[in-house]
Amino acid sequence: MIIPTQPNFTVVNTSDYRETYANSVQVRVNVWDFFLVFGTMQQQSENQVEVRNFQGIYLSPQQAKALAAILQQNVTNYESTFGEIKLDPRGIPAAGPVH
């Protein structure tokens, strides 16, 4: 069995590259791709939360699975260093429809 050599990678940021903060991510799925919508969530009052979406990213199913794996690996490493990340059960939505 021949193992192919890994190519060398060069990462270059495009002129429109930007970094920002998101505390809201919505995921929409269909047969062809995953669509991640990033935004910021702010509580306007006791009963009102506003989410301002600012970026949508399409991923192939393969890239979505690779992202899930690398995120899980990094969350595991983070928790082994800093302790368990606790989630507020109110912040986890019930399973919704898949589009």
PDB file of N, CA and C in Angstrom:
ATOM      1  N   MET A   1       0.836  -1.171   0.000  1.00  0.00           N
ATOM      2  CA  MET A   1       0.000   0.000   0.000  1.00  0.00           C
ATOM      3  C   MET A   1       0.882   1.237   0.000  1.00  0.00           C
ATOM      4  N   ILE A   2       0.627   2.117  -0.925  1.00  0.00           N
ATOM      5  CA  ILE A   2       1.394   3.358  -1.036  1.00  0.00           C
ATOM      6  C   ILE A   2       0.636   4.462  -0.302  1.00  0.00           C
ATOM      7  N   ILE A   3       1.326   5.116   0.609  1.00  0.00           N
ATOM      8  CA  ILE A   3       0.730   6.232   1.346  1.00  0.00           C
ATOM      9  C   ILE A   3       1.145   7.518   0.645  1.00  0.00           C
ATOM     10  N   PRO A   4       0.155   8.286   0.165  1.00  0.00           N
ATOM     11  CA  PRO A   4       0.514   9.524  -0.546  1.00  0.00           C
ATOM     12  C   PRO A   4       1.123  10.542   0.423  1.00  0.00           C
ATOM     13  N   THR A   5       2.051  11.322  -0.089  1.00  0.00           N
ATOM     14  CA  THR A   5       2.656  12.360   0.738  1.00  0.00           C
ATOM     15  C   THR A   5       1.675  13.518   0.891  1.00  0.00           C
ATOM     16  N   GLN A   6       1.724  14.170   2.016  1.00  0.00           N
ATOM     17  CA  GLN A   6       0.859  15.318   2.281  1.00  0.00           C
ATOM     18  C   GLN A   6       1.431  16.547   1.593  1.00  0.00           C
ATOM     19  N   PRO A   7       0.567  17.331   0.951  1.00  0.00           N
ATOM     20  CA  PRO A   7       1.064  18.552   0.313  1.00  0.00           C
ATOM     21  C   PRO A   7       1.398  19.606   1.363  1.00  0.00           C
ATOM     22  N   ASN A   8       2.249  20.539   0.998  1.00  0.00           N
ATOM     23  CA  ASN A   8       2.529  21.681   1.864  1.00  0.00           C
ATOM     24  C   ASN A   8       1.395  22.684   1.700  1.00  0.00           C
ATOM     25  N   PHE A   9       0.938  23.245   2.812  1.00  0.00           N
ATOM     26  CA  PHE A   9      -0.155  24.215   2.785  1.00  0.00           C
ATOM     27  C   PHE A   9       0.369  25.605   3.081  1.00  0.00           C
ATOM     28  N   THR A  10      -0.154  26.567   2.365  1.00  0.00           N
ATOM     29  CA  THR A  10       0.087  27.969   2.647  1.00  0.00           C
ATOM     30  C   THR A  10      -1.269  28.610   2.886  1.00  0.00           C
ATOM     31  N   VAL A  11      -1.423  29.294   4.005  1.00  0.00           N
ATOM     32  CA  VAL A  11      -2.687  29.953   4.325  1.00  0.00           C
ATOM     33  C   VAL A  11      -2.511  31.447   4.086  1.00  0.00           C
ATOM     34  N   VAL A  12      -3.391  32.007   3.261  1.00  0.00           N
ATOM     35  CA  VAL A  12      -3.340  33.427   2.917  1.00  0.00           C
ATOM     36  C   VAL A  12      -4.717  34.019   3.179  1.00  0.00           C
ATOM     37  N   ASN A  13      -4.770  35.114   3.908  1.00  0.00           N
ATOM     38  CA  ASN A  13      -6.041  35.810   4.136  1.00  0.00           C
ATOM     39  C   ASN A  13      -6.344  36.705   2.943  1.00  0.00           C
ATOM     40  N   THR A  14      -7.588  36.647   2.455  1.00  0.00           N
ATOM     41  CA  THR A  14      -8.002  37.512   1.356  1.00  0.00           C
ATOM     42  C   THR A  14      -8.193  38.939   1.867  1.00  0.00           C
ATOM     43  N   SER A  15      -8.350  39.875   0.961  1.00  0.00           N
ATOM     44  CA  SER A  15      -8.496  41.280   1.358  1.00  0.00           C
ATOM     45  C   SER A  15      -9.781  41.525   2.141  1.00  0.00           C
ATOM     46  N   ASP A  16     -10.793  40.669   1.962  1.00  0.00           N
ATOM     47  CA  ASP A  16     -12.039  40.860   2.712  1.00  0.00           C
ATOM     48  C   ASP A  16     -12.129  39.981   3.958  1.00  0.00           C
ATOM     49  N   TYR A  17     -11.023  39.357   4.344  1.00  0.00           N
ATOM     50  CA  TYR A  17     -10.992  38.552   5.566  1.00  0.00           C
ATOM     51  C   TYR A  17     -11.265  39.433   6.773  1.00  0.00           C
ATOM     52  N   ARG A  18     -12.044  38.894   7.724  1.00  0.00           N
ATOM     53  CA  ARG A  18     -12.285  39.619   8.965  1.00  0.00           C
ATOM     54  C   ARG A  18     -12.514  38.618  10.091  1.00  0.00           C
ATOM     55  N   GLU A  19     -12.276  39.060  11.297  1.00  0.00           N
ATOM     56  CA  GLU A  19     -12.558  38.281  12.483  1.00  0.00           C
ATOM     57  C   GLU A  19     -13.590  39.031  13.301  1.00  0.00           C
ATOM     58  N   THR A  20     -14.498  38.294  13.903  1.00  0.00           N
ATOM     59  CA  THR A  20     -15.514  38.911  14.734  1.00  0.00           C
ATOM     60  C   THR A  20     -15.980  37.903  15.768  1.00  0.00           C
ATOM     61  N   TYR A  21     -16.807  38.338  16.679  1.00  0.00           N
ATOM     62  CA  TYR A  21     -17.305  37.510  17.763  1.00  0.00           C
ATOM     63  C   TYR A  21     -18.731  37.078  17.476  1.00  0.00           C
ATOM     64  N   ALA A  22     -19.047  35.820  17.756  1.00  0.00           N
ATOM     65  CA  ALA A  22     -20.417  35.317  17.632  1.00  0.00           C
ATOM     66  C   ALA A  22     -20.758  34.544  18.901  1.00  0.00           C
ATOM     67  N   ASN A  23     -21.945  34.796  19.437  1.00  0.00           N
ATOM     68  CA  ASN A  23     -22.426  33.983  20.548  1.00  0.00           C
ATOM     69  C   ASN A  23     -23.739  33.294  20.166  1.00  0.00           C
ATOM     70  N   SER A  24     -24.010  33.265  18.868  1.00  0.00           N
ATOM     71  CA  SER A  24     -25.175  32.569  18.328  1.00  0.00           C
ATOM     72  C   SER A  24     -24.777  31.909  17.020  1.00  0.00           C
ATOM     73  N   VAL A  25     -25.090  30.633  16.895  1.00  0.00           N
ATOM     74  CA  VAL A  25     -24.871  29.916  15.644  1.00  0.00           C
ATOM     75  C   VAL A  25     -26.114  29.080  15.367  1.00  0.00           C
ATOM     76  N   GLN A  26     -26.711  29.316  14.229  1.00  0.00           N
ATOM     77  CA  GLN A  26     -27.854  28.515  13.797  1.00  0.00           C
ATOM     78  C   GLN A  26     -27.363  27.579  12.701  1.00  0.00           C
ATOM     79  N   VAL A  27     -27.862  26.361  12.697  1.00  0.00           N
ATOM     80  CA  VAL A  27     -27.445  25.381  11.696  1.00  0.00           C
ATOM     81  C   VAL A  27     -28.673  24.926  10.922  1.00  0.00           C
ATOM     82  N   ARG A  28     -28.576  25.036   9.622  1.00  0.00           N
ATOM     83  CA  ARG A  28     -29.623  24.540   8.732  1.00  0.00           C
ATOM     84  C   ARG A  28     -29.000  23.469   7.852  1.00  0.00           C
ATOM     85  N   VAL A  29     -29.728  22.390   7.640  1.00  0.00           N
ATOM     86  CA  VAL A  29     -29.177  21.245   6.913  1.00  0.00           C
ATOM     87  C   VAL A  29     -30.125  20.851   5.793  1.00  0.00           C
ATOM     88  N   ASN A  30     -29.545  20.540   4.645  1.00  0.00           N
ATOM     89  CA  ASN A  30     -30.313  19.894   3.579  1.00  0.00           C
ATOM     90  C   ASN A  30     -29.455  18.773   3.012  1.00  0.00           C
ATOM     91  N   VAL A  31     -29.940  18.113   2.007  1.00  0.00           N
ATOM     92  CA  VAL A  31     -29.233  16.949   1.481  1.00  0.00           C
ATOM     93  C   VAL A  31     -27.864  17.298   0.895  1.00  0.00           C
ATOM     94  N   TRP A  32     -27.666  18.539   0.443  1.00  0.00           N
ATOM     95  CA  TRP A  32     -26.425  18.914  -0.226  1.00  0.00           C
ATOM     96  C   TRP A  32     -25.409  19.601   0.669  1.00  0.00           C
ATOM     97  N   ASP A  33     -25.878  20.330   1.709  1.00  0.00           N
ATOM     98  CA  ASP A  33     -24.919  21.095   2.498  1.00  0.00           C
ATOM     99  C   ASP A  33     -25.462  21.455   3.873  1.00  0.00           C
ATOM    100  N   PHE A  34     -24.563  21.984   4.670  1.00  0.00           N
ATOM    101  CA  PHE A  34     -24.872  22.543   5.983  1.00  0.00           C
ATOM    102  C   PHE A  34     -24.708  24.055   5.854  1.00  0.00           C
ATOM    103  N   PHE A  35     -25.603  24.802   6.464  1.00  0.00           N
ATOM    104  CA  PHE A  35     -25.548  26.259   6.413  1.00  0.00           C
ATOM    105  C   PHE A  35     -25.468  26.761   7.844  1.00  0.00           C
ATOM    106  N   LEU A  36     -24.348  27.401   8.197  1.00  0.00           N
ATOM    107  CA  LEU A  36     -24.140  27.956   9.531  1.00  0.00           C
ATOM    108  C   LEU A  36     -24.357  29.457   9.468  1.00  0.00           C
ATOM    109  N   VAL A  37     -25.225  29.967  10.328  1.00  0.00           N
ATOM    110  CA  VAL A  37     -25.516  31.399  10.384  1.00  0.00           C
ATOM    111  C   VAL A  37     -25.003  31.909  11.724  1.00  0.00           C
ATOM    112  N   PHE A  38     -24.042  32.819  11.682  1.00  0.00           N
ATOM    113  CA  PHE A  38     -23.424  33.366  12.884  1.00  0.00           C
ATOM    114  C   PHE A  38     -24.036  34.717  13.221  1.00  0.00           C
ATOM    115  N   GLY A  39     -24.178  34.971  14.497  1.00  0.00           N
ATOM    116  CA  GLY A  39     -24.738  36.239  14.937  1.00  0.00           C
ATOM    117  C   GLY A  39     -24.366  36.544  16.369  1.00  0.00           C
ATOM    118  N   THR A  40     -24.871  37.670  16.846  1.00  0.00           N
ATOM    119  CA  THR A  40     -24.710  38.038  18.255  1.00  0.00           C
ATOM    120  C   THR A  40     -26.096  38.116  18.873  1.00  0.00           C
ATOM    121  N   MET A  41     -26.198  37.565  20.053  1.00  0.00           N
ATOM    122  CA  MET A  41     -27.455  37.519  20.772  1.00  0.00           C
ATOM    123  C   MET A  41     -27.357  38.464  21.959  1.00  0.00           C
ATOM    124  N   GLN A  42     -28.367  39.321  22.108  1.00  0.00           N
ATOM    125  CA  GLN A  42     -28.406  40.264  23.221  1.00  0.00           C
ATOM    126  C   GLN A  42     -29.787  40.237  23.839  1.00  0.00           C
ATOM    127  N   GLN A  43     -29.822  40.218  25.165  1.00  0.00           N
ATOM    128  CA  GLN A  43     -31.108  40.250  25.856  1.00  0.00           C
ATOM    129  C   GLN A  43     -31.530  41.694  26.011  1.00  0.00           C
ATOM    130  N   GLN A  44     -32.632  42.050  25.361  1.00  0.00           N
ATOM    131  CA  GLN A  44     -33.132  43.423  25.358  1.00  0.00           C
ATOM    132  C   GLN A  44     -33.924  43.726  26.626  1.00  0.00           C
ATOM    133  N   SER A  45     -34.630  42.735  27.136  1.00  0.00           N
ATOM    134  CA  SER A  45     -35.405  42.864  28.366  1.00  0.00           C
ATOM    135  C   SER A  45     -35.543  41.467  28.959  1.00  0.00           C
ATOM    136  N   GLU A  46     -36.266  41.355  30.043  1.00  0.00           N
ATOM    137  CA  GLU A  46     -36.421  40.057  30.707  1.00  0.00           C
ATOM    138  C   GLU A  46     -37.042  39.018  29.777  1.00  0.00           C
ATOM    139  N   ASN A  47     -37.931  39.461  28.885  1.00  0.00           N
ATOM    140  CA  ASN A  47     -38.652  38.543  28.014  1.00  0.00           C
ATOM    141  C   ASN A  47     -38.296  38.666  26.537  1.00  0.00           C
ATOM    142  N   GLN A  48     -37.290  39.463  26.214  1.00  0.00           N
ATOM    143  CA  GLN A  48     -36.979  39.697  24.799  1.00  0.00           C
ATOM    144  C   GLN A  48     -35.487  39.514  24.526  1.00  0.00           C
ATOM    145  N   VAL A  49     -35.174  38.614  23.603  1.00  0.00           N
ATOM    146  CA  VAL A  49     -33.793  38.395  23.167  1.00  0.00           C
ATOM    147  C   VAL A  49     -33.736  38.708  21.676  1.00  0.00           C
ATOM    148  N   GLU A  50     -32.710  39.446  21.273  1.00  0.00           N
ATOM    149  CA  GLU A  50     -32.526  39.789  19.861  1.00  0.00           C
ATOM    150  C   GLU A  50     -31.262  39.129  19.345  1.00  0.00           C
ATOM    151  N   VAL A  51     -31.381  38.476  18.191  1.00  0.00           N
ATOM    152  CA  VAL A  51     -30.229  37.881  17.524  1.00  0.00           C
ATOM    153  C   VAL A  51     -29.996  38.662  16.240  1.00  0.00           C
ATOM    154  N   ARG A  52     -28.785  39.179  16.084  1.00  0.00           N
ATOM    155  CA  ARG A  52     -28.403  39.904  14.868  1.00  0.00           C
ATOM    156  C   ARG A  52     -27.429  39.039  14.082  1.00  0.00           C
ATOM    157  N   ASN A  53     -27.920  38.463  12.998  1.00  0.00           N
ATOM    158  CA  ASN A  53     -27.073  37.615  12.154  1.00  0.00           C
ATOM    159  C   ASN A  53     -26.179  38.483  11.280  1.00  0.00           C
ATOM    160  N   PHE A  54     -24.915  38.062  11.134  1.00  0.00           N
ATOM    161  CA  PHE A  54     -23.994  38.851  10.319  1.00  0.00           C
ATOM    162  C   PHE A  54     -23.245  38.045   9.275  1.00  0.00           C
ATOM    163  N   GLN A  55     -23.292  36.706   9.343  1.00  0.00           N
ATOM    164  CA  GLN A  55     -22.534  35.926   8.359  1.00  0.00           C
ATOM    165  C   GLN A  55     -23.138  34.541   8.228  1.00  0.00           C
ATOM    166  N   GLY A  56     -23.316  34.099   6.996  1.00  0.00           N
ATOM    167  CA  GLY A  56     -23.747  32.738   6.714  1.00  0.00           C
ATOM    168  C   GLY A  56     -22.660  32.022   5.943  1.00  0.00           C
ATOM    169  N   ILE A  57     -22.400  30.779   6.321  1.00  0.00           N
ATOM    170  CA  ILE A  57     -21.340  29.983   5.688  1.00  0.00           C
ATOM    171  C   ILE A  57     -21.925  28.625   5.289  1.00  0.00           C
ATOM    172  N   TYR A  58     -21.759  28.247   4.021  1.00  0.00           N
ATOM    173  CA  TYR A  58     -22.159  26.926   3.559  1.00  0.00           C
ATOM    174  C   TYR A  58     -20.970  25.978   3.684  1.00  0.00           C
ATOM    175  N   LEU A  59     -21.233  24.761   4.156  1.00  0.00           N
ATOM    176  CA  LEU A  59     -20.210  23.713   4.239  1.00  0.00           C
ATOM    177  C   LEU A  59     -20.733  22.452   3.564  1.00  0.00           C
ATOM    178  N   SER A  60     -19.842  21.738   2.894  1.00  0.00           N
ATOM    179  CA  SER A  60     -20.215  20.425   2.383  1.00  0.00           C
ATOM    180  C   SER A  60     -20.410  19.496   3.591  1.00  0.00           C
ATOM    181  N   PRO A  61     -21.155  18.402   3.430  1.00  0.00           N
ATOM    182  CA  PRO A  61     -21.293  17.453   4.542  1.00  0.00           C
ATOM    183  C   PRO A  61     -19.941  16.948   5.048  1.00  0.00           C
ATOM    184  N   GLN A  62     -18.990  16.771   4.138  1.00  0.00           N
ATOM    185  CA  GLN A  62     -17.666  16.290   4.548  1.00  0.00           C
ATOM    186  C   GLN A  62     -16.950  17.335   5.411  1.00  0.00           C
ATOM    187  N   GLN A  63     -17.021  18.600   5.005  1.00  0.00           N
ATOM    188  CA  GLN A  63     -16.385  19.651   5.802  1.00  0.00           C
ATOM    189  C   GLN A  63     -17.102  19.849   7.126  1.00  0.00           C
ATOM    190  N   ALA A  64     -18.434  19.690   7.149  1.00  0.00           N
ATOM    191  CA  ALA A  64     -19.183  19.793   8.403  1.00  0.00           C
ATOM    192  C   ALA A  64     -18.741  18.701   9.374  1.00  0.00           C
ATOM    193  N   LYS A  65     -18.551  17.497   8.878  1.00  0.00           N
ATOM    194  CA  LYS A  65     -18.104  16.388   9.739  1.00  0.00           C
ATOM    195  C   LYS A  65     -16.680  16.632  10.229  1.00  0.00           C
ATOM    196  N   ALA A  66     -15.818  17.121   9.355  1.00  0.00           N
ATOM    197  CA  ALA A  66     -14.445  17.434   9.758  1.00  0.00           C
ATOM    198  C   ALA A  66     -14.437  18.547  10.801  1.00  0.00           C
ATOM    199  N   LEU A  67     -15.290  19.571  10.620  1.00  0.00           N
ATOM    200  CA  LEU A  67     -15.398  20.663  11.595  1.00  0.00           C
ATOM    201  C   LEU A  67     -15.885  20.131  12.938  1.00  0.00           C
ATOM    202  N   ALA A  68     -16.899  19.262  12.921  1.00  0.00           N
ATOM    203  CA  ALA A  68     -17.408  18.677  14.165  1.00  0.00           C
ATOM    204  C   ALA A  68     -16.306  17.923  14.904  1.00  0.00           C
ATOM    205  N   ALA A  69     -15.499  17.176  14.170  1.00  0.00           N
ATOM    206  CA  ALA A  69     -14.419  16.395  14.794  1.00  0.00           C
ATOM    207  C   ALA A  69     -13.354  17.301  15.402  1.00  0.00           C
ATOM    208  N   ILE A  70     -12.939  18.337  14.682  1.00  0.00           N
ATOM    209  CA  ILE A  70     -11.884  19.216  15.206  1.00  0.00           C
ATOM    210  C   ILE A  70     -12.408  20.062  16.357  1.00  0.00           C
ATOM    211  N   LEU A  71     -13.679  20.461  16.303  1.00  0.00           N
ATOM    212  CA  LEU A  71     -14.265  21.188  17.438  1.00  0.00           C
ATOM    213  C   LEU A  71     -14.327  20.294  18.670  1.00  0.00           C
ATOM    214  N   GLN A  72     -14.749  19.026  18.495  1.00  0.00           N
ATOM    215  CA  GLN A  72     -14.811  18.105  19.630  1.00  0.00           C
ATOM    216  C   GLN A  72     -13.432  17.898  20.243  1.00  0.00           C
ATOM    217  N   GLN A  73     -12.426  17.744  19.399  1.00  0.00           N
ATOM    218  CA  GLN A  73     -11.055  17.570  19.893  1.00  0.00           C
ATOM    219  C   GLN A  73     -10.612  18.799  20.688  1.00  0.00           C
ATOM    220  N   ASN A  74     -10.914  19.985  20.187  1.00  0.00           N
ATOM    221  CA  ASN A  74     -10.504  21.205  20.869  1.00  0.00           C
ATOM    222  C   ASN A  74     -11.299  21.464  22.141  1.00  0.00           C
ATOM    223  N   VAL A  75     -12.583  21.118  22.158  1.00  0.00           N
ATOM    224  CA  VAL A  75     -13.380  21.242  23.384  1.00  0.00           C
ATOM    225  C   VAL A  75     -12.834  20.288  24.452  1.00  0.00           C
ATOM    226  N   THR A  76     -12.515  19.072  24.058  1.00  0.00           N
ATOM    227  CA  THR A  76     -11.937  18.103  24.994  1.00  0.00           C
ATOM    228  C   THR A  76     -10.628  18.627  25.570  1.00  0.00           C
ATOM    229  N   ASN A  77      -9.754  19.170  24.728  1.00  0.00           N
ATOM    230  CA  ASN A  77      -8.482  19.733  25.196  1.00  0.00           C
ATOM    231  C   ASN A  77      -8.719  20.925  26.125  1.00  0.00           C
ATOM    232  N   TYR A  78      -9.660  21.791  25.781  1.00  0.00           N
ATOM    233  CA  TYR A  78      -9.990  22.958  26.598  1.00  0.00           C
ATOM    234  C   TYR A  78     -10.458  22.507  27.982  1.00  0.00           C
ATOM    235  N   GLU A  79     -11.392  21.529  28.010  1.00  0.00           N
ATOM    236  CA  GLU A  79     -11.924  21.069  29.292  1.00  0.00           C
ATOM    237  C   GLU A  79     -10.873  20.360  30.139  1.00  0.00           C
ATOM    238  N   SER A  80      -9.940  19.668  29.514  1.00  0.00           N
ATOM    239  CA  SER A  80      -8.886  19.021  30.302  1.00  0.00           C
ATOM    240  C   SER A  80      -7.948  20.058  30.906  1.00  0.00           C
ATOM    241  N   THR A  81      -7.841  21.233  30.284  1.00  0.00           N
ATOM    242  CA  THR A  81      -6.993  22.298  30.796  1.00  0.00           C
ATOM    243  C   THR A  81      -7.725  23.190  31.793  1.00  0.00           C
ATOM    244  N   PHE A  82      -8.970  23.582  31.470  1.00  0.00           N
ATOM    245  CA  PHE A  82      -9.674  24.604  32.246  1.00  0.00           C
ATOM    246  C   PHE A  82     -10.882  24.094  33.023  1.00  0.00           C
ATOM    247  N   GLY A  83     -11.282  22.856  32.807  1.00  0.00           N
ATOM    248  CA  GLY A  83     -12.450  22.316  33.495  1.00  0.00           C
ATOM    249  C   GLY A  83     -13.649  22.223  32.560  1.00  0.00           C
ATOM    250  N   GLU A  84     -14.674  21.522  33.047  1.00  0.00           N
ATOM    251  CA  GLU A  84     -15.856  21.258  32.235  1.00  0.00           C
ATOM    252  C   GLU A  84     -16.582  22.540  31.844  1.00  0.00           C
ATOM    253  N   ILE A  85     -17.011  22.583  30.596  1.00  0.00           N
ATOM    254  CA  ILE A  85     -17.848  23.673  30.110  1.00  0.00           C
ATOM    255  C   ILE A  85     -19.293  23.271  30.407  1.00  0.00           C
ATOM    256  N   LYS A  86     -19.979  24.074  31.188  1.00  0.00           N
ATOM    257  CA  LYS A  86     -21.367  23.778  31.527  1.00  0.00           C
ATOM    258  C   LYS A  86     -22.285  24.590  30.624  1.00  0.00           C
ATOM    259  N   LEU A  87     -23.303  23.925  30.086  1.00  0.00           N
ATOM    260  CA  LEU A  87     -24.267  24.582  29.213  1.00  0.00           C
ATOM    261  C   LEU A  87     -25.550  24.859  29.977  1.00  0.00           C
ATOM    262  N   ASP A  88     -26.133  26.007  29.718  1.00  0.00           N
ATOM    263  CA  ASP A  88     -27.438  26.354  30.268  1.00  0.00           C
ATOM    264  C   ASP A  88     -28.473  25.580  29.462  1.00  0.00           C
ATOM    265  N   PRO A  89     -29.262  24.702  30.091  1.00  0.00           N
ATOM    266  CA  PRO A  89     -30.221  23.895  29.324  1.00  0.00           C
ATOM    267  C   PRO A  89     -31.251  24.736  28.583  1.00  0.00           C
ATOM    268  N   ARG A  90     -31.475  25.964  29.006  1.00  0.00           N
ATOM    269  CA  ARG A  90     -32.414  26.833  28.285  1.00  0.00           C
ATOM    270  C   ARG A  90     -31.846  27.280  26.953  1.00  0.00           C
ATOM    271  N   GLY A  91     -30.517  27.245  26.799  1.00  0.00           N
ATOM    272  CA  GLY A  91     -29.884  27.704  25.572  1.00  0.00           C
ATOM    273  C   GLY A  91     -29.792  26.645  24.493  1.00  0.00           C
ATOM    274  N   ILE A  92     -30.227  25.418  24.815  1.00  0.00           N
ATOM    275  CA  ILE A  92     -30.164  24.338  23.835  1.00  0.00           C
ATOM    276  C   ILE A  92     -31.563  24.127  23.274  1.00  0.00           C
ATOM    277  N   PRO A  93     -31.787  24.509  22.010  1.00  0.00           N
ATOM    278  CA  PRO A  93     -33.128  24.371  21.442  1.00  0.00           C
ATOM    279  C   PRO A  93     -33.507  22.928  21.220  1.00  0.00           C
ATOM    280  N   ALA A  94     -34.792  22.658  21.260  1.00  0.00           N
ATOM    281  CA  ALA A  94     -35.301  21.327  20.925  1.00  0.00           C
ATOM    282  C   ALA A  94     -34.990  21.057  19.463  1.00  0.00           C
ATOM    283  N   ALA A  95     -34.912  19.799  19.119  1.00  0.00           N
ATOM    284  CA  ALA A  95     -34.632  19.434  17.728  1.00  0.00           C
ATOM    285  C   ALA A  95     -35.724  19.986  16.825  1.00  0.00           C
ATOM    286  N   GLY A  96     -35.315  20.626  15.773  1.00  0.00           N
ATOM    287  CA  GLY A  96     -36.255  21.213  14.834  1.00  0.00           C
ATOM    288  C   GLY A  96     -36.237  20.495  13.513  1.00  0.00           C
ATOM    289  N   PRO A  97     -36.949  21.027  12.546  1.00  0.00           N
ATOM    290  CA  PRO A  97     -37.002  20.361  11.235  1.00  0.00           C
ATOM    291  C   PRO A  97     -35.676  20.476  10.500  1.00  0.00           C
ATOM    292  N   VAL A  98     -35.421  19.508   9.670  1.00  0.00           N
ATOM    293  CA  VAL A  98     -34.252  19.515   8.801  1.00  0.00           C
ATOM    294  C   VAL A  98     -34.740  19.899   7.413  1.00  0.00           C
ATOM    295  N   HIS A  99     -34.157  20.938   6.840  1.00  0.00           N
ATOM    296  CA  HIS A  99     -34.572  21.420   5.517  1.00  0.00           C
ATOM    297  C   HIS A  99     -33.617  20.940   4.462  1.00  0.00           C
TER     298      HIS A  99
END
